[in-house]
Amino acid sequence: MANSGLQILGFALSLLGLIGLILGTILPQWKMSAYVGDNIITAVSMYQGLWMSCAFQSTGQIQCKVYDSILQLDSALQATRALMIVGIIVTVAGLGVATMGMKCSNCGGDDKIKKSRITMTGGIILLIGSLAATIACSWFAHNIIKEFYNPFAPVNSKYEFGLAIFIAWAGAFLDIIGGAMLAASCPKGKPTPKYPIAATRPPSSTKEFV
């Protein structure tokens, strides 16, 4: 049975991973304009995220615009949004379940085997949430790479990876490690004796005389 130190470490890593997923989902720097080709203009940097697009000027001014309609967005961006939201919600649920089963928590009763099963369930839920976030980030990254190497795409419309996608990737990675640590709280049954207990015979009340 996993010790409490391993459970606390797994919970802390999963919590940091959740923060990374939330920050990565909110930040608009999922992809940034790539400066390729002959005409390189560095006065304005374009960033696009899951919820808005921003323009960073060399003077320090930032202009952001929220996407007007969900129906106007491409299916890949909508799917990435949905997977990231699902990943965050499932990760929060996994942390809640794992909290009830941890040894340092008073929830879940006093049965150690039951608490270990609850912690293991929370770890599995965390792994599912991190898997959803990993798929979302990888899918978005694949679309960036495909558009970048598309020979028919205009040079000024090509993008590369932004900071937010790396933060989301790191959050999903931490959730995978933390969820695996919590899922390692596999309950074990009560130990059985290796050797059979010798049957004891009650002492005889009569004595034999020679």
N, C-alpha and C. Protein backbone atom coordinates (compact mmCIF):
# COMPACT_ATOMS: atom_id res chain seq x y z
N MET A 1 0.84 -1.18 0.00
CA MET A 1 0.00 0.00 0.00
C MET A 1 0.89 1.24 0.00
N ALA A 2 0.57 2.18 -0.87
CA ALA A 2 1.41 3.36 -1.00
C ALA A 2 1.38 4.16 0.29
N ASN A 3 2.51 4.77 0.63
CA ASN A 3 2.58 5.56 1.85
C ASN A 3 1.97 6.92 1.61
N SER A 4 1.77 7.66 2.70
CA SER A 4 1.11 8.96 2.61
C SER A 4 1.97 9.98 1.89
N GLY A 5 3.31 9.86 2.00
CA GLY A 5 4.19 10.80 1.31
C GLY A 5 4.02 10.74 -0.20
N LEU A 6 3.90 9.53 -0.76
CA LEU A 6 3.70 9.38 -2.19
C LEU A 6 2.35 9.95 -2.61
N GLN A 7 1.33 9.76 -1.78
CA GLN A 7 0.01 10.30 -2.09
C GLN A 7 0.02 11.83 -2.08
N ILE A 8 0.68 12.42 -1.09
CA ILE A 8 0.74 13.88 -1.02
C ILE A 8 1.51 14.44 -2.21
N LEU A 9 2.61 13.79 -2.60
CA LEU A 9 3.38 14.25 -3.75
C LEU A 9 2.54 14.14 -5.03
N GLY A 10 1.83 13.05 -5.20
CA GLY A 10 0.98 12.90 -6.37
C GLY A 10 -0.13 13.93 -6.40
N PHE A 11 -0.72 14.22 -5.24
CA PHE A 11 -1.78 15.23 -5.18
C PHE A 11 -1.23 16.61 -5.51
N ALA A 12 -0.03 16.94 -5.00
CA ALA A 12 0.57 18.25 -5.26
C ALA A 12 0.89 18.41 -6.75
N LEU A 13 1.45 17.37 -7.36
CA LEU A 13 1.74 17.45 -8.79
C LEU A 13 0.47 17.58 -9.61
N SER A 14 -0.57 16.87 -9.22
CA SER A 14 -1.84 16.98 -9.94
C SER A 14 -2.45 18.37 -9.79
N LEU A 15 -2.30 18.95 -8.61
CA LEU A 15 -2.82 20.30 -8.40
C LEU A 15 -2.07 21.32 -9.26
N LEU A 16 -0.74 21.18 -9.32
CA LEU A 16 0.04 22.05 -10.20
C LEU A 16 -0.35 21.84 -11.66
N GLY A 17 -0.60 20.60 -12.02
CA GLY A 17 -1.04 20.32 -13.38
C GLY A 17 -2.37 20.96 -13.70
N LEU A 18 -3.29 20.96 -12.74
CA LEU A 18 -4.59 21.61 -12.93
C LEU A 18 -4.41 23.11 -13.16
N ILE A 19 -3.54 23.73 -12.37
CA ILE A 19 -3.27 25.16 -12.56
C ILE A 19 -2.70 25.42 -13.96
N GLY A 20 -1.80 24.53 -14.41
CA GLY A 20 -1.24 24.68 -15.75
C GLY A 20 -2.31 24.54 -16.83
N LEU A 21 -3.24 23.62 -16.65
CA LEU A 21 -4.31 23.45 -17.63
C LEU A 21 -5.20 24.69 -17.69
N ILE A 22 -5.52 25.24 -16.53
CA ILE A 22 -6.38 26.43 -16.51
C ILE A 22 -5.68 27.61 -17.15
N LEU A 23 -4.41 27.82 -16.79
CA LEU A 23 -3.66 28.94 -17.38
C LEU A 23 -3.51 28.76 -18.90
N GLY A 24 -3.18 27.55 -19.31
CA GLY A 24 -3.02 27.30 -20.73
C GLY A 24 -4.31 27.51 -21.51
N THR A 25 -5.44 27.17 -20.90
CA THR A 25 -6.72 27.34 -21.60
C THR A 25 -7.09 28.82 -21.71
N ILE A 26 -6.76 29.61 -20.71
CA ILE A 26 -7.16 31.02 -20.70
C ILE A 26 -6.25 31.87 -21.58
N LEU A 27 -4.94 31.61 -21.55
CA LEU A 27 -3.99 32.46 -22.27
C LEU A 27 -4.22 32.41 -23.78
N PRO A 28 -4.01 33.54 -24.46
CA PRO A 28 -4.26 33.58 -25.91
C PRO A 28 -3.07 33.16 -26.76
N GLN A 29 -1.95 32.81 -26.16
CA GLN A 29 -0.74 32.51 -26.96
C GLN A 29 -0.65 31.03 -27.33
N TRP A 30 -1.70 30.47 -27.91
CA TRP A 30 -1.62 29.09 -28.36
C TRP A 30 -0.81 28.97 -29.63
N LYS A 31 -0.93 29.96 -30.47
CA LYS A 31 -0.06 30.01 -31.64
C LYS A 31 0.28 31.47 -31.95
N MET A 32 1.49 31.68 -32.42
CA MET A 32 1.99 33.02 -32.69
C MET A 32 2.47 33.11 -34.13
N SER A 33 2.43 34.31 -34.66
CA SER A 33 2.81 34.51 -36.05
C SER A 33 4.26 34.13 -36.27
N ALA A 34 4.50 33.42 -37.37
CA ALA A 34 5.85 32.97 -37.70
C ALA A 34 6.45 33.95 -38.71
N TYR A 35 7.66 34.37 -38.44
CA TYR A 35 8.34 35.32 -39.33
C TYR A 35 9.18 34.54 -40.32
N VAL A 36 8.55 34.20 -41.42
CA VAL A 36 9.22 33.45 -42.48
C VAL A 36 9.03 34.20 -43.79
N GLY A 37 9.88 33.91 -44.72
CA GLY A 37 9.78 34.56 -46.02
C GLY A 37 10.69 35.77 -46.12
N ASP A 38 10.54 36.48 -47.22
CA ASP A 38 11.38 37.64 -47.47
C ASP A 38 10.90 38.88 -46.74
N ASN A 39 9.59 39.08 -46.70
CA ASN A 39 9.04 40.27 -46.05
C ASN A 39 8.81 39.97 -44.57
N ILE A 40 9.74 40.36 -43.74
CA ILE A 40 9.65 40.11 -42.31
C ILE A 40 9.26 41.41 -41.61
N ILE A 41 8.12 41.39 -40.96
CA ILE A 41 7.64 42.57 -40.24
C ILE A 41 7.52 42.19 -38.77
N THR A 42 8.33 42.78 -37.94
CA THR A 42 8.37 42.44 -36.53
C THR A 42 7.73 43.50 -35.65
N ALA A 43 7.09 44.50 -36.26
CA ALA A 43 6.49 45.57 -35.46
C ALA A 43 5.26 45.07 -34.71
N VAL A 44 4.56 44.10 -35.28
CA VAL A 44 3.34 43.57 -34.68
C VAL A 44 3.43 42.05 -34.65
N SER A 45 3.14 41.48 -33.50
CA SER A 45 3.11 40.02 -33.34
C SER A 45 1.67 39.59 -33.12
N MET A 46 1.22 38.64 -33.90
CA MET A 46 -0.15 38.15 -33.81
C MET A 46 -0.18 36.84 -33.01
N TYR A 47 -1.12 36.78 -32.09
CA TYR A 47 -1.32 35.58 -31.28
C TYR A 47 -2.78 35.15 -31.38
N GLN A 48 -2.99 33.86 -31.38
CA GLN A 48 -4.35 33.31 -31.38
C GLN A 48 -4.46 32.25 -30.30
N GLY A 49 -5.56 32.30 -29.59
CA GLY A 49 -5.82 31.33 -28.54
C GLY A 49 -7.14 30.62 -28.76
N LEU A 50 -7.63 29.99 -27.71
CA LEU A 50 -8.90 29.28 -27.81
C LEU A 50 -10.10 30.19 -27.71
N TRP A 51 -9.90 31.39 -27.15
CA TRP A 51 -11.03 32.28 -26.90
C TRP A 51 -10.90 33.64 -27.57
N MET A 52 -9.69 34.04 -27.92
CA MET A 52 -9.47 35.37 -28.48
C MET A 52 -8.19 35.39 -29.30
N SER A 53 -8.04 36.45 -30.06
CA SER A 53 -6.81 36.73 -30.80
C SER A 53 -6.28 38.08 -30.37
N CYS A 54 -4.97 38.21 -30.28
CA CYS A 54 -4.34 39.42 -29.78
C CYS A 54 -3.23 39.88 -30.72
N ALA A 55 -2.99 41.17 -30.72
CA ALA A 55 -1.92 41.79 -31.48
C ALA A 55 -1.01 42.52 -30.50
N PHE A 56 0.25 42.12 -30.44
CA PHE A 56 1.25 42.73 -29.58
C PHE A 56 2.13 43.63 -30.44
N GLN A 57 2.10 44.93 -30.14
CA GLN A 57 2.91 45.88 -30.88
C GLN A 57 4.26 46.07 -30.19
N SER A 58 5.24 46.51 -30.98
CA SER A 58 6.58 46.72 -30.44
C SER A 58 6.61 47.84 -29.40
N THR A 59 5.61 48.71 -29.41
CA THR A 59 5.55 49.79 -28.43
C THR A 59 5.03 49.33 -27.08
N GLY A 60 4.59 48.09 -26.99
CA GLY A 60 4.08 47.55 -25.73
C GLY A 60 2.58 47.51 -25.65
N GLN A 61 1.87 48.02 -26.64
CA GLN A 61 0.41 48.01 -26.63
C GLN A 61 -0.11 46.64 -27.05
N ILE A 62 -1.20 46.24 -26.40
CA ILE A 62 -1.83 44.95 -26.67
C ILE A 62 -3.28 45.18 -27.03
N GLN A 63 -3.71 44.61 -28.11
CA GLN A 63 -5.10 44.68 -28.54
C GLN A 63 -5.63 43.26 -28.71
N CYS A 64 -6.67 42.93 -27.99
CA CYS A 64 -7.26 41.59 -28.04
C CYS A 64 -8.73 41.68 -28.46
N LYS A 65 -9.17 40.67 -29.15
CA LYS A 65 -10.55 40.60 -29.61
C LYS A 65 -11.07 39.19 -29.38
N VAL A 66 -12.17 39.12 -28.66
CA VAL A 66 -12.81 37.83 -28.41
C VAL A 66 -13.51 37.38 -29.68
N TYR A 67 -13.48 36.09 -29.93
CA TYR A 67 -14.13 35.55 -31.12
C TYR A 67 -15.63 35.85 -31.06
N ASP A 68 -16.16 36.34 -32.18
CA ASP A 68 -17.55 36.80 -32.19
C ASP A 68 -18.55 35.66 -32.04
N SER A 69 -18.38 34.62 -32.81
CA SER A 69 -19.36 33.54 -32.82
C SER A 69 -18.65 32.19 -32.81
N ILE A 70 -19.21 31.27 -32.05
CA ILE A 70 -18.64 29.92 -32.01
C ILE A 70 -18.83 29.21 -33.34
N LEU A 71 -19.94 29.50 -34.01
CA LEU A 71 -20.24 28.82 -35.26
C LEU A 71 -19.27 29.20 -36.38
N GLN A 72 -18.60 30.35 -36.25
CA GLN A 72 -17.65 30.77 -37.26
C GLN A 72 -16.28 30.12 -37.10
N LEU A 73 -16.05 29.50 -35.97
CA LEU A 73 -14.76 28.88 -35.72
C LEU A 73 -14.67 27.52 -36.40
N ASP A 74 -13.45 27.11 -36.72
CA ASP A 74 -13.27 25.81 -37.35
C ASP A 74 -13.49 24.70 -36.33
N SER A 75 -13.75 23.51 -36.84
CA SER A 75 -14.09 22.38 -35.96
C SER A 75 -12.93 21.99 -35.06
N ALA A 76 -11.68 22.15 -35.54
CA ALA A 76 -10.53 21.77 -34.72
C ALA A 76 -10.42 22.64 -33.48
N LEU A 77 -10.67 23.94 -33.62
CA LEU A 77 -10.61 24.83 -32.47
C LEU A 77 -11.73 24.54 -31.49
N GLN A 78 -12.92 24.26 -32.00
CA GLN A 78 -14.04 23.91 -31.12
C GLN A 78 -13.76 22.62 -30.36
N ALA A 79 -13.19 21.64 -31.05
CA ALA A 79 -12.88 20.37 -30.38
C ALA A 79 -11.80 20.57 -29.32
N THR A 80 -10.80 21.41 -29.62
CA THR A 80 -9.76 21.69 -28.63
C THR A 80 -10.34 22.36 -27.40
N ARG A 81 -11.22 23.32 -27.62
CA ARG A 81 -11.92 23.96 -26.49
C ARG A 81 -12.62 22.92 -25.62
N ALA A 82 -13.42 22.08 -26.28
CA ALA A 82 -14.22 21.10 -25.54
C ALA A 82 -13.33 20.13 -24.77
N LEU A 83 -12.27 19.65 -25.39
CA LEU A 83 -11.39 18.69 -24.72
C LEU A 83 -10.67 19.33 -23.53
N MET A 84 -10.24 20.58 -23.66
CA MET A 84 -9.57 21.24 -22.55
C MET A 84 -10.53 21.46 -21.38
N ILE A 85 -11.75 21.87 -21.68
CA ILE A 85 -12.74 22.06 -20.61
C ILE A 85 -13.06 20.72 -19.94
N VAL A 86 -13.22 19.67 -20.73
CA VAL A 86 -13.48 18.35 -20.16
C VAL A 86 -12.30 17.90 -19.31
N GLY A 87 -11.08 18.14 -19.80
CA GLY A 87 -9.91 17.77 -19.03
C GLY A 87 -9.83 18.48 -17.69
N ILE A 88 -10.17 19.77 -17.67
CA ILE A 88 -10.14 20.53 -16.41
C ILE A 88 -11.20 20.02 -15.45
N ILE A 89 -12.42 19.80 -15.96
CA ILE A 89 -13.52 19.34 -15.09
C ILE A 89 -13.21 17.95 -14.52
N VAL A 90 -12.72 17.05 -15.37
CA VAL A 90 -12.41 15.69 -14.91
C VAL A 90 -11.25 15.71 -13.92
N THR A 91 -10.27 16.59 -14.14
CA THR A 91 -9.14 16.70 -13.20
C THR A 91 -9.61 17.20 -11.84
N VAL A 92 -10.51 18.18 -11.83
CA VAL A 92 -11.06 18.66 -10.55
C VAL A 92 -11.80 17.54 -9.84
N ALA A 93 -12.59 16.77 -10.60
CA ALA A 93 -13.31 15.65 -9.99
C ALA A 93 -12.34 14.61 -9.43
N GLY A 94 -11.27 14.33 -10.18
CA GLY A 94 -10.29 13.36 -9.70
C GLY A 94 -9.59 13.81 -8.43
N LEU A 95 -9.27 15.10 -8.34
CA LEU A 95 -8.66 15.62 -7.12
C LEU A 95 -9.62 15.52 -5.94
N GLY A 96 -10.90 15.78 -6.19
CA GLY A 96 -11.88 15.66 -5.11
C GLY A 96 -12.02 14.24 -4.61
N VAL A 97 -12.04 13.28 -5.53
CA VAL A 97 -12.16 11.88 -5.13
C VAL A 97 -10.90 11.43 -4.40
N ALA A 98 -9.74 11.83 -4.91
CA ALA A 98 -8.49 11.42 -4.27
C ALA A 98 -8.35 12.01 -2.87
N THR A 99 -8.88 13.21 -2.65
CA THR A 99 -8.80 13.83 -1.33
C THR A 99 -9.52 12.98 -0.28
N MET A 100 -10.66 12.41 -0.65
CA MET A 100 -11.43 11.60 0.31
C MET A 100 -10.72 10.31 0.69
N GLY A 101 -9.84 9.82 -0.18
CA GLY A 101 -9.21 8.54 0.12
C GLY A 101 -7.79 8.62 0.62
N MET A 102 -7.21 9.81 0.67
CA MET A 102 -5.82 9.92 1.12
C MET A 102 -5.70 9.61 2.60
N LYS A 103 -4.53 9.09 2.98
CA LYS A 103 -4.32 8.71 4.38
C LYS A 103 -4.34 9.91 5.31
N CYS A 104 -3.92 11.07 4.81
CA CYS A 104 -3.89 12.25 5.66
C CYS A 104 -5.26 12.90 5.78
N SER A 105 -6.28 12.36 5.14
CA SER A 105 -7.63 12.91 5.19
C SER A 105 -8.50 12.07 6.11
N ASN A 106 -9.44 12.73 6.76
CA ASN A 106 -10.37 12.04 7.65
C ASN A 106 -11.62 11.57 6.93
N CYS A 107 -11.76 11.91 5.66
CA CYS A 107 -12.93 11.49 4.90
C CYS A 107 -12.76 10.04 4.46
N GLY A 108 -13.87 9.43 4.12
CA GLY A 108 -13.83 8.07 3.60
C GLY A 108 -13.80 6.98 4.64
N GLY A 109 -13.93 7.32 5.92
CA GLY A 109 -13.95 6.31 6.96
C GLY A 109 -12.56 5.91 7.42
N ASP A 110 -12.52 4.89 8.24
CA ASP A 110 -11.27 4.40 8.81
C ASP A 110 -10.74 3.14 8.14
N ASP A 111 -11.51 2.60 7.21
CA ASP A 111 -11.08 1.38 6.53
C ASP A 111 -9.95 1.73 5.55
N LYS A 112 -8.75 1.22 5.81
CA LYS A 112 -7.59 1.56 4.98
C LYS A 112 -7.73 1.02 3.56
N ILE A 113 -8.29 -0.17 3.43
CA ILE A 113 -8.45 -0.74 2.09
C ILE A 113 -9.45 0.07 1.28
N LYS A 114 -10.53 0.49 1.91
CA LYS A 114 -11.54 1.30 1.22
C LYS A 114 -10.95 2.64 0.80
N LYS A 115 -10.18 3.27 1.69
CA LYS A 115 -9.58 4.56 1.37
C LYS A 115 -8.57 4.42 0.24
N SER A 116 -7.83 3.31 0.20
CA SER A 116 -6.88 3.10 -0.88
C SER A 116 -7.60 2.94 -2.21
N ARG A 117 -8.73 2.26 -2.19
CA ARG A 117 -9.50 2.12 -3.43
C ARG A 117 -10.04 3.47 -3.90
N ILE A 118 -10.46 4.31 -2.98
CA ILE A 118 -10.95 5.64 -3.36
C ILE A 118 -9.81 6.47 -3.97
N THR A 119 -8.63 6.42 -3.35
CA THR A 119 -7.47 7.15 -3.89
C THR A 119 -7.09 6.62 -5.26
N MET A 120 -7.11 5.31 -5.44
CA MET A 120 -6.79 4.73 -6.74
C MET A 120 -7.80 5.17 -7.80
N THR A 121 -9.08 5.25 -7.43
CA THR A 121 -10.10 5.72 -8.36
C THR A 121 -9.86 7.17 -8.75
N GLY A 122 -9.49 8.00 -7.76
CA GLY A 122 -9.17 9.39 -8.06
C GLY A 122 -7.99 9.52 -9.01
N GLY A 123 -6.98 8.68 -8.83
CA GLY A 123 -5.83 8.70 -9.73
C GLY A 123 -6.21 8.30 -11.15
N ILE A 124 -7.08 7.32 -11.29
CA ILE A 124 -7.52 6.90 -12.62
C ILE A 124 -8.31 8.03 -13.30
N ILE A 125 -9.16 8.70 -12.52
CA ILE A 125 -9.91 9.83 -13.08
C ILE A 125 -8.96 10.94 -13.53
N LEU A 126 -7.92 11.19 -12.75
CA LEU A 126 -6.93 12.19 -13.14
C LEU A 126 -6.22 11.81 -14.44
N LEU A 127 -5.93 10.55 -14.60
CA LEU A 127 -5.29 10.09 -15.84
C LEU A 127 -6.21 10.31 -17.04
N ILE A 128 -7.51 10.10 -16.84
CA ILE A 128 -8.46 10.33 -17.94
C ILE A 128 -8.51 11.82 -18.31
N GLY A 129 -8.54 12.69 -17.28
CA GLY A 129 -8.55 14.12 -17.55
C GLY A 129 -7.28 14.59 -18.26
N SER A 130 -6.14 14.09 -17.82
CA SER A 130 -4.88 14.48 -18.46
C SER A 130 -4.80 13.95 -19.89
N LEU A 131 -5.41 12.79 -20.14
CA LEU A 131 -5.42 12.25 -21.50
C LEU A 131 -6.23 13.15 -22.43
N ALA A 132 -7.37 13.66 -21.95
CA ALA A 132 -8.18 14.57 -22.76
C ALA A 132 -7.41 15.84 -23.09
N ALA A 133 -6.70 16.40 -22.11
CA ALA A 133 -5.92 17.62 -22.34
C ALA A 133 -4.75 17.35 -23.29
N THR A 134 -4.11 16.20 -23.15
CA THR A 134 -3.00 15.86 -24.04
C THR A 134 -3.46 15.73 -25.48
N ILE A 135 -4.61 15.10 -25.68
CA ILE A 135 -5.15 14.97 -27.04
C ILE A 135 -5.47 16.35 -27.61
N ALA A 136 -6.03 17.25 -26.80
CA ALA A 136 -6.36 18.59 -27.27
C ALA A 136 -5.11 19.35 -27.71
N CYS A 137 -4.07 19.32 -26.89
CA CYS A 137 -2.83 20.04 -27.22
C CYS A 137 -2.15 19.43 -28.45
N SER A 138 -2.11 18.12 -28.53
CA SER A 138 -1.45 17.46 -29.66
C SER A 138 -2.21 17.72 -30.96
N TRP A 139 -3.53 17.72 -30.88
CA TRP A 139 -4.35 17.98 -32.07
C TRP A 139 -4.13 19.40 -32.56
N PHE A 140 -4.13 20.36 -31.64
CA PHE A 140 -3.91 21.75 -32.01
C PHE A 140 -2.51 21.93 -32.60
N ALA A 141 -1.52 21.30 -31.99
CA ALA A 141 -0.15 21.39 -32.50
C ALA A 141 -0.04 20.77 -33.89
N HIS A 142 -0.74 19.67 -34.11
CA HIS A 142 -0.70 19.03 -35.43
C HIS A 142 -1.26 19.96 -36.50
N ASN A 143 -2.33 20.69 -36.19
CA ASN A 143 -2.91 21.62 -37.16
C ASN A 143 -1.95 22.78 -37.45
N ILE A 144 -1.23 23.24 -36.42
CA ILE A 144 -0.26 24.32 -36.63
C ILE A 144 0.84 23.85 -37.59
N ILE A 145 1.35 22.65 -37.35
CA ILE A 145 2.42 22.12 -38.20
C ILE A 145 1.93 21.91 -39.63
N LYS A 146 0.70 21.39 -39.77
CA LYS A 146 0.15 21.14 -41.10
C LYS A 146 -0.02 22.44 -41.88
N GLU A 147 -0.51 23.50 -41.21
CA GLU A 147 -0.68 24.78 -41.89
C GLU A 147 0.68 25.43 -42.19
N PHE A 148 1.66 25.21 -41.31
CA PHE A 148 2.96 25.84 -41.52
C PHE A 148 3.65 25.28 -42.76
N TYR A 149 3.54 23.99 -42.97
CA TYR A 149 4.21 23.35 -44.10
C TYR A 149 3.31 23.24 -45.33
N ASN A 150 2.16 23.87 -45.29
CA ASN A 150 1.28 23.89 -46.46
C ASN A 150 1.84 24.85 -47.51
N PRO A 151 2.25 24.36 -48.67
CA PRO A 151 2.87 25.27 -49.66
C PRO A 151 1.90 26.28 -50.25
N PHE A 152 0.60 26.03 -50.13
CA PHE A 152 -0.38 26.94 -50.71
C PHE A 152 -0.85 28.00 -49.72
N ALA A 153 -0.44 27.90 -48.47
CA ALA A 153 -0.85 28.89 -47.47
C ALA A 153 -0.01 30.15 -47.62
N PRO A 154 -0.61 31.34 -47.50
CA PRO A 154 0.16 32.59 -47.57
C PRO A 154 1.20 32.65 -46.45
N VAL A 155 2.31 33.33 -46.73
CA VAL A 155 3.39 33.41 -45.76
C VAL A 155 2.95 34.14 -44.50
N ASN A 156 2.13 35.19 -44.65
CA ASN A 156 1.73 35.98 -43.49
C ASN A 156 0.65 35.31 -42.66
N SER A 157 0.17 34.15 -43.07
CA SER A 157 -0.86 33.43 -42.31
C SER A 157 -0.31 32.19 -41.62
N LYS A 158 1.00 32.03 -41.61
CA LYS A 158 1.60 30.87 -40.96
C LYS A 158 1.92 31.19 -39.51
N TYR A 159 1.71 30.19 -38.65
CA TYR A 159 1.91 30.35 -37.21
C TYR A 159 2.82 29.25 -36.70
N GLU A 160 3.35 29.49 -35.52
CA GLU A 160 4.14 28.49 -34.81
C GLU A 160 3.64 28.37 -33.38
N PHE A 161 4.23 27.47 -32.60
CA PHE A 161 3.75 27.20 -31.25
C PHE A 161 3.92 28.44 -30.37
N GLY A 162 2.89 28.69 -29.55
CA GLY A 162 2.94 29.76 -28.57
C GLY A 162 3.21 29.24 -27.17
N LEU A 163 3.28 30.15 -26.23
CA LEU A 163 3.62 29.78 -24.85
C LEU A 163 2.51 28.98 -24.19
N ALA A 164 1.26 29.30 -24.50
CA ALA A 164 0.13 28.67 -23.80
C ALA A 164 0.06 27.18 -24.05
N ILE A 165 0.39 26.75 -25.26
CA ILE A 165 0.29 25.33 -25.56
C ILE A 165 1.34 24.53 -24.79
N PHE A 166 2.51 25.14 -24.55
CA PHE A 166 3.53 24.46 -23.74
C PHE A 166 3.11 24.39 -22.27
N ILE A 167 2.46 25.45 -21.78
CA ILE A 167 1.96 25.43 -20.40
C ILE A 167 0.90 24.34 -20.24
N ALA A 168 0.00 24.24 -21.22
CA ALA A 168 -1.04 23.20 -21.15
C ALA A 168 -0.42 21.82 -21.25
N TRP A 169 0.57 21.65 -22.10
CA TRP A 169 1.26 20.36 -22.20
C TRP A 169 1.92 19.99 -20.87
N ALA A 170 2.59 20.97 -20.25
CA ALA A 170 3.24 20.72 -18.97
C ALA A 170 2.22 20.36 -17.89
N GLY A 171 1.08 21.05 -17.89
CA GLY A 171 0.03 20.71 -16.93
C GLY A 171 -0.49 19.30 -17.11
N ALA A 172 -0.70 18.90 -18.36
CA ALA A 172 -1.17 17.53 -18.62
C ALA A 172 -0.12 16.50 -18.19
N PHE A 173 1.17 16.81 -18.42
CA PHE A 173 2.24 15.90 -18.02
C PHE A 173 2.29 15.74 -16.50
N LEU A 174 2.14 16.85 -15.77
CA LEU A 174 2.13 16.77 -14.31
C LEU A 174 0.92 15.97 -13.81
N ASP A 175 -0.20 16.13 -14.48
CA ASP A 175 -1.39 15.37 -14.09
C ASP A 175 -1.19 13.88 -14.33
N ILE A 176 -0.47 13.54 -15.39
CA ILE A 176 -0.20 12.13 -15.66
C ILE A 176 0.66 11.53 -14.55
N ILE A 177 1.71 12.26 -14.15
CA ILE A 177 2.59 11.75 -13.10
C ILE A 177 1.84 11.68 -11.77
N GLY A 178 1.14 12.75 -11.41
CA GLY A 178 0.40 12.76 -10.15
C GLY A 178 -0.70 11.72 -10.12
N GLY A 179 -1.43 11.57 -11.23
CA GLY A 179 -2.48 10.56 -11.28
C GLY A 179 -1.93 9.15 -11.17
N ALA A 180 -0.76 8.91 -11.77
CA ALA A 180 -0.14 7.59 -11.68
C ALA A 180 0.29 7.29 -10.25
N MET A 181 0.81 8.30 -9.54
CA MET A 181 1.19 8.10 -8.14
C MET A 181 -0.02 7.78 -7.27
N LEU A 182 -1.11 8.48 -7.52
CA LEU A 182 -2.32 8.21 -6.73
C LEU A 182 -2.95 6.88 -7.12
N ALA A 183 -2.88 6.54 -8.40
CA ALA A 183 -3.42 5.25 -8.83
C ALA A 183 -2.61 4.08 -8.32
N ALA A 184 -1.37 4.35 -7.86
CA ALA A 184 -0.53 3.28 -7.31
C ALA A 184 -0.99 2.85 -5.93
N SER A 185 -1.98 3.54 -5.35
CA SER A 185 -2.50 3.17 -4.04
C SER A 185 -3.42 1.97 -4.17
N CYS A 186 -2.87 0.91 -4.68
CA CYS A 186 -3.65 -0.31 -4.90
C CYS A 186 -3.85 -1.03 -3.57
N PRO A 187 -5.10 -1.31 -3.19
CA PRO A 187 -5.33 -1.99 -1.90
C PRO A 187 -4.85 -3.42 -1.93
N LYS A 188 -4.36 -3.85 -0.81
CA LYS A 188 -3.92 -5.24 -0.64
C LYS A 188 -4.78 -5.91 0.41
N GLY A 189 -5.03 -7.16 0.21
CA GLY A 189 -5.82 -7.90 1.17
C GLY A 189 -5.06 -8.18 2.45
N LYS A 190 -5.75 -8.70 3.41
CA LYS A 190 -5.11 -9.02 4.67
C LYS A 190 -4.11 -10.15 4.48
N PRO A 191 -2.93 -10.04 5.07
CA PRO A 191 -1.91 -11.08 4.87
C PRO A 191 -2.35 -12.40 5.48
N THR A 192 -2.09 -13.47 4.74
CA THR A 192 -2.42 -14.81 5.22
C THR A 192 -1.16 -15.48 5.74
N PRO A 193 -1.24 -16.25 6.78
CA PRO A 193 -0.04 -16.91 7.32
C PRO A 193 0.55 -17.90 6.32
N LYS A 194 1.87 -17.91 6.23
CA LYS A 194 2.54 -18.79 5.29
C LYS A 194 2.46 -20.25 5.71
N TYR A 195 2.44 -20.51 7.02
CA TYR A 195 2.41 -21.88 7.51
C TYR A 195 1.11 -22.10 8.29
N PRO A 196 0.53 -23.27 8.12
CA PRO A 196 -0.71 -23.53 8.87
C PRO A 196 -0.45 -23.62 10.36
N ILE A 197 -1.40 -23.10 11.09
CA ILE A 197 -1.28 -23.13 12.54
C ILE A 197 -1.54 -24.55 13.04
N ALA A 198 -0.61 -25.05 13.81
CA ALA A 198 -0.75 -26.42 14.31
C ALA A 198 -1.92 -26.51 15.26
N ALA A 199 -2.68 -27.56 15.07
CA ALA A 199 -3.84 -27.75 15.94
C ALA A 199 -3.37 -28.14 17.33
N THR A 200 -3.92 -27.48 18.30
CA THR A 200 -3.55 -27.75 19.69
C THR A 200 -4.58 -28.69 20.30
N ARG A 201 -4.08 -29.64 21.05
CA ARG A 201 -4.98 -30.60 21.70
C ARG A 201 -5.09 -30.25 23.16
N PRO A 202 -6.30 -30.15 23.67
CA PRO A 202 -6.45 -29.81 25.09
C PRO A 202 -5.80 -30.87 25.96
N PRO A 203 -5.22 -30.42 27.03
CA PRO A 203 -4.55 -31.41 27.92
C PRO A 203 -5.54 -32.42 28.48
N SER A 204 -5.06 -33.64 28.59
CA SER A 204 -5.93 -34.70 29.10
C SER A 204 -6.08 -34.57 30.60
N SER A 205 -7.29 -34.83 31.08
CA SER A 205 -7.56 -34.69 32.52
C SER A 205 -7.16 -35.94 33.29
N THR A 206 -6.94 -37.07 32.59
CA THR A 206 -6.56 -38.32 33.26
C THR A 206 -5.10 -38.58 33.05
N LYS A 207 -4.47 -39.18 33.93
CA LYS A 207 -3.07 -39.55 33.86
C LYS A 207 -2.95 -41.06 33.70
N GLU A 208 -2.00 -41.44 32.91
CA GLU A 208 -1.75 -42.84 32.69
C GLU A 208 -0.68 -43.31 33.67
N PHE A 209 -0.95 -44.40 34.28
CA PHE A 209 0.00 -44.99 35.23
C PHE A 209 0.57 -46.26 34.63
N VAL A 210 1.85 -46.43 34.79
CA VAL A 210 2.49 -47.65 34.30
C VAL A 210 2.28 -48.77 35.30
